[in-house]
Protein backbone atom coordinates (compact mmCIF):
# COMPACT_ATOMS: atom_id res chain seq x y z
CA MET A 1 -43.16 -14.77 85.76
CA SER A 2 -39.86 -13.48 86.90
CA ARG A 3 -38.69 -10.10 85.29
CA ALA A 4 -35.84 -11.62 83.56
CA VAL A 5 -37.94 -14.38 81.99
CA GLY A 6 -40.41 -11.55 80.97
CA ALA A 7 -37.60 -9.65 79.18
CA VAL A 8 -36.45 -13.00 77.35
CA LEU A 9 -40.07 -13.47 76.21
CA ASP A 10 -40.35 -9.99 75.14
CA ALA A 11 -37.05 -10.48 73.04
CA VAL A 12 -38.09 -13.71 71.68
CA VAL A 13 -41.49 -11.94 70.47
CA GLU A 14 -39.64 -8.97 68.93
CA LEU A 15 -36.85 -11.37 67.11
CA VAL A 16 -39.81 -13.05 65.66
CA ARG A 17 -41.56 -9.90 64.78
CA GLY A 18 -38.12 -8.44 63.30
CA GLY A 19 -38.58 -9.18 59.87
CA VAL A 20 -39.36 -13.02 59.99
CA GLY A 21 -43.08 -12.54 59.07
CA ARG A 22 -42.36 -11.10 55.53
CA ILE A 23 -41.18 -13.27 52.17
CA GLY A 24 -40.23 -10.62 49.64
CA GLU A 25 -43.00 -7.75 49.76
CA VAL A 26 -45.84 -9.94 50.54
CA SER A 27 -46.86 -10.71 54.14
CA ALA A 28 -46.67 -14.41 54.92
CA LEU A 29 -49.20 -16.33 57.15
CA LYS A 30 -47.29 -17.17 60.33
CA ILE A 31 -48.42 -20.98 61.24
CA TYR A 32 -47.50 -22.48 64.78
CA LEU A 33 -47.03 -26.34 63.78
CA ILE A 34 -48.36 -28.46 66.44
CA GLY A 35 -47.81 -32.13 66.80
CA SER A 36 -46.15 -35.12 68.65
CA LEU A 37 -42.39 -35.21 69.38
CA ARG A 38 -42.64 -38.46 68.04
CA ASN A 39 -44.31 -38.22 64.69
CA PRO A 40 -42.00 -38.27 61.67
CA GLU A 41 -44.70 -36.64 59.57
CA VAL A 42 -44.47 -33.18 61.48
CA PRO A 43 -41.07 -31.74 60.03
CA LYS A 44 -42.13 -33.06 56.26
CA ILE A 45 -45.27 -31.08 56.65
CA GLY A 46 -43.53 -28.15 58.07
CA ASN A 47 -41.34 -28.25 54.86
CA GLU A 48 -43.97 -28.68 52.53
CA LEU A 49 -45.83 -25.51 54.32
CA ARG A 50 -42.67 -23.55 53.89
CA ALA A 51 -42.66 -24.60 50.20
CA GLU A 52 -46.39 -22.79 49.78
CA GLY A 53 -44.57 -19.50 51.25
CA TYR A 54 -46.12 -19.68 54.85
CA ILE A 55 -43.87 -18.96 57.81
CA ILE A 56 -43.55 -22.12 60.07
CA TYR A 57 -42.83 -22.15 63.83
CA ASP A 58 -41.70 -25.92 64.34
CA ASP A 59 -38.40 -25.39 66.31
CA TRP A 60 -39.80 -27.35 69.21
CA PHE A 61 -39.42 -30.41 67.12
CA ALA A 62 -35.51 -30.34 67.08
CA ALA A 63 -35.61 -31.29 70.92
CA GLY A 64 -36.22 -34.69 69.80
CA GLU A 65 -38.46 -37.61 70.36
CA PHE A 66 -37.76 -38.32 73.88
CA ALA A 67 -37.29 -34.71 75.25
CA ASP A 68 -40.58 -34.85 77.39
CA ASP A 69 -39.32 -38.38 78.75
CA ALA A 70 -35.78 -36.96 79.57
CA TRP A 71 -37.27 -34.03 81.37
CA ARG A 72 -39.67 -36.18 83.11
CA ASP A 73 -36.85 -38.57 84.15
CA TYR A 74 -34.63 -35.87 85.19
CA GLU A 75 -37.07 -34.25 87.37
CA ARG A 76 -38.13 -37.40 89.14
CA GLY A 77 -34.67 -37.99 89.64
CA ARG A 78 -34.58 -34.81 91.65
CA GLY A 79 -37.76 -36.15 93.85
CA HIS A 80 -39.89 -33.97 91.72
CA THR A 81 -43.60 -34.59 90.94
CA LEU A 82 -45.29 -33.03 87.92
CA PRO A 83 -46.70 -29.84 89.81
CA GLU A 84 -43.24 -29.13 91.25
CA ALA A 85 -41.42 -29.87 87.85
CA LEU A 86 -43.75 -27.24 86.08
CA LYS A 87 -42.13 -24.66 88.63
CA GLY A 88 -38.81 -25.23 87.79
CA LEU A 89 -36.61 -23.08 85.60
CA ALA A 90 -36.20 -25.52 82.51
CA ALA A 91 -40.13 -25.76 82.43
CA GLU A 92 -40.44 -21.85 82.41
CA HIS A 93 -37.86 -21.28 79.79
CA MET A 94 -39.43 -23.77 77.36
CA PHE A 95 -43.23 -22.93 77.92
CA ASN A 96 -42.38 -19.19 77.60
CA PHE A 97 -40.50 -20.08 74.35
CA ASP A 98 -43.42 -22.23 73.13
CA LEU A 99 -45.86 -19.36 74.18
CA ALA A 100 -44.14 -16.75 72.38
CA LEU A 101 -44.35 -18.35 69.07
CA ILE A 102 -48.04 -19.62 69.62
CA LYS A 103 -49.02 -15.72 70.63
CA GLU A 104 -47.13 -14.42 67.60
CA ALA A 105 -48.80 -17.36 65.09
CA GLN A 106 -51.82 -16.22 63.22
CA VAL A 107 -52.52 -19.80 62.67
CA GLY A 108 -52.33 -22.96 64.50
CA VAL A 109 -52.01 -26.54 62.56
CA LEU A 110 -52.58 -29.89 64.80
CA VAL A 111 -51.04 -32.92 63.02
CA LEU A 112 -52.38 -35.94 64.43
CA PRO A 113 -51.59 -38.19 66.20
CA ALA A 114 -50.95 -35.88 69.00
CA GLY A 115 -51.06 -35.74 72.73
CA ARG A 116 -52.76 -33.34 75.45
CA SER A 117 -50.21 -30.75 75.10
CA GLY A 118 -50.73 -30.23 71.41
CA HIS A 119 -54.65 -30.18 71.92
CA ILE A 120 -54.43 -27.58 74.78
CA GLU A 121 -51.96 -25.43 72.24
CA LEU A 122 -54.37 -25.64 69.39
CA GLY A 123 -57.42 -24.85 72.01
CA TYR A 124 -55.70 -22.12 73.57
CA MET A 125 -55.33 -20.69 69.92
CA ALA A 126 -58.77 -21.01 69.16
CA GLY A 127 -59.70 -19.15 72.10
CA GLU A 128 -57.60 -16.42 71.13
CA GLY A 129 -59.48 -16.24 67.68
CA LYS A 130 -56.90 -17.57 65.64
CA GLY A 131 -57.25 -19.75 62.82
CA THR A 132 -57.02 -23.62 63.87
CA PHE A 133 -56.86 -26.42 61.67
CA VAL A 134 -56.45 -29.93 62.29
CA LEU A 135 -54.73 -32.78 59.98
CA LEU A 136 -56.30 -36.13 60.57
CA GLU A 137 -54.33 -39.39 60.24
CA GLY A 138 -56.96 -41.53 58.28
CA ASP A 139 -60.48 -42.00 60.00
CA PRO A 140 -60.06 -41.98 63.58
CA ASP A 141 -61.15 -44.79 65.91
CA ARG A 142 -63.03 -42.36 67.93
CA TYR A 143 -64.69 -39.18 66.95
CA ASP A 144 -64.37 -36.12 68.92
CA LEU A 145 -67.33 -33.54 68.89
CA MET A 146 -64.93 -30.69 70.43
CA TYR A 147 -62.98 -30.59 67.01
CA ARG A 148 -66.00 -28.37 65.86
CA LEU A 149 -64.14 -25.63 67.65
CA PHE A 150 -61.55 -25.48 65.08
CA THR A 151 -61.52 -23.63 61.64
CA ALA A 152 -61.20 -26.92 59.67
CA VAL A 153 -60.54 -30.44 60.23
CA CYS A 154 -58.71 -31.73 57.16
CA LYS A 155 -58.48 -35.30 55.86
CA THR A 156 -55.42 -34.94 53.48
CA LYS A 157 -52.41 -32.50 53.02
CA GLN A 158 -53.90 -31.35 49.99
CA GLU A 159 -57.16 -30.35 51.92
CA LEU A 160 -55.38 -28.66 54.46
CA LEU A 161 -53.10 -26.54 52.05
CA ASN A 162 -56.65 -25.60 50.10
CA ALA A 163 -58.28 -24.56 53.41
CA LEU A 164 -55.05 -22.58 54.46
CA ARG A 165 -55.17 -20.87 51.39
CA GLU A 166 -58.92 -19.95 51.91
CA TYR A 167 -57.90 -18.73 55.42
CA ALA A 168 -55.14 -16.66 54.18
CA ASN A 169 -57.18 -14.93 51.35
CA ALA A 170 -59.84 -14.22 53.97
CA TYR A 171 -57.62 -13.08 56.40
CA SER A 172 -55.42 -10.38 54.24
């Protein structure tokens, strides 16, 4: 990572830490909300979690449902493959922004359906010892045994809210 990008990453982390982690006098649980750019439920769930008093990191959703496709098409237009595109400045900035928020968050919530990146993000957070939750969309066609790595797999939003409250009480 270049020195300039490292400085930007440090600034983002400091900005996030500079007061965003508190509501009133009570420390609020910081949640990195993970999902598909094409899942319209993600911002709704983010708002529901905010209404419960949690700090939600979901700004990545603002890029729009075709952001990944647009980046791919742009890079292909430049003659780049995925490995080459990952070395580009745009990829470095987007990655570092997301990673700073993932590192700052205490909890990750994966809203299904989601793709590979979302599962990688939640797996990273599990590896860091953070609370990790999956919100299912009905009963999946295929069962995945590795979801056992996560703190909880929830069938409903209410079940997720209950699990987060329980986690927050144990965490504080």
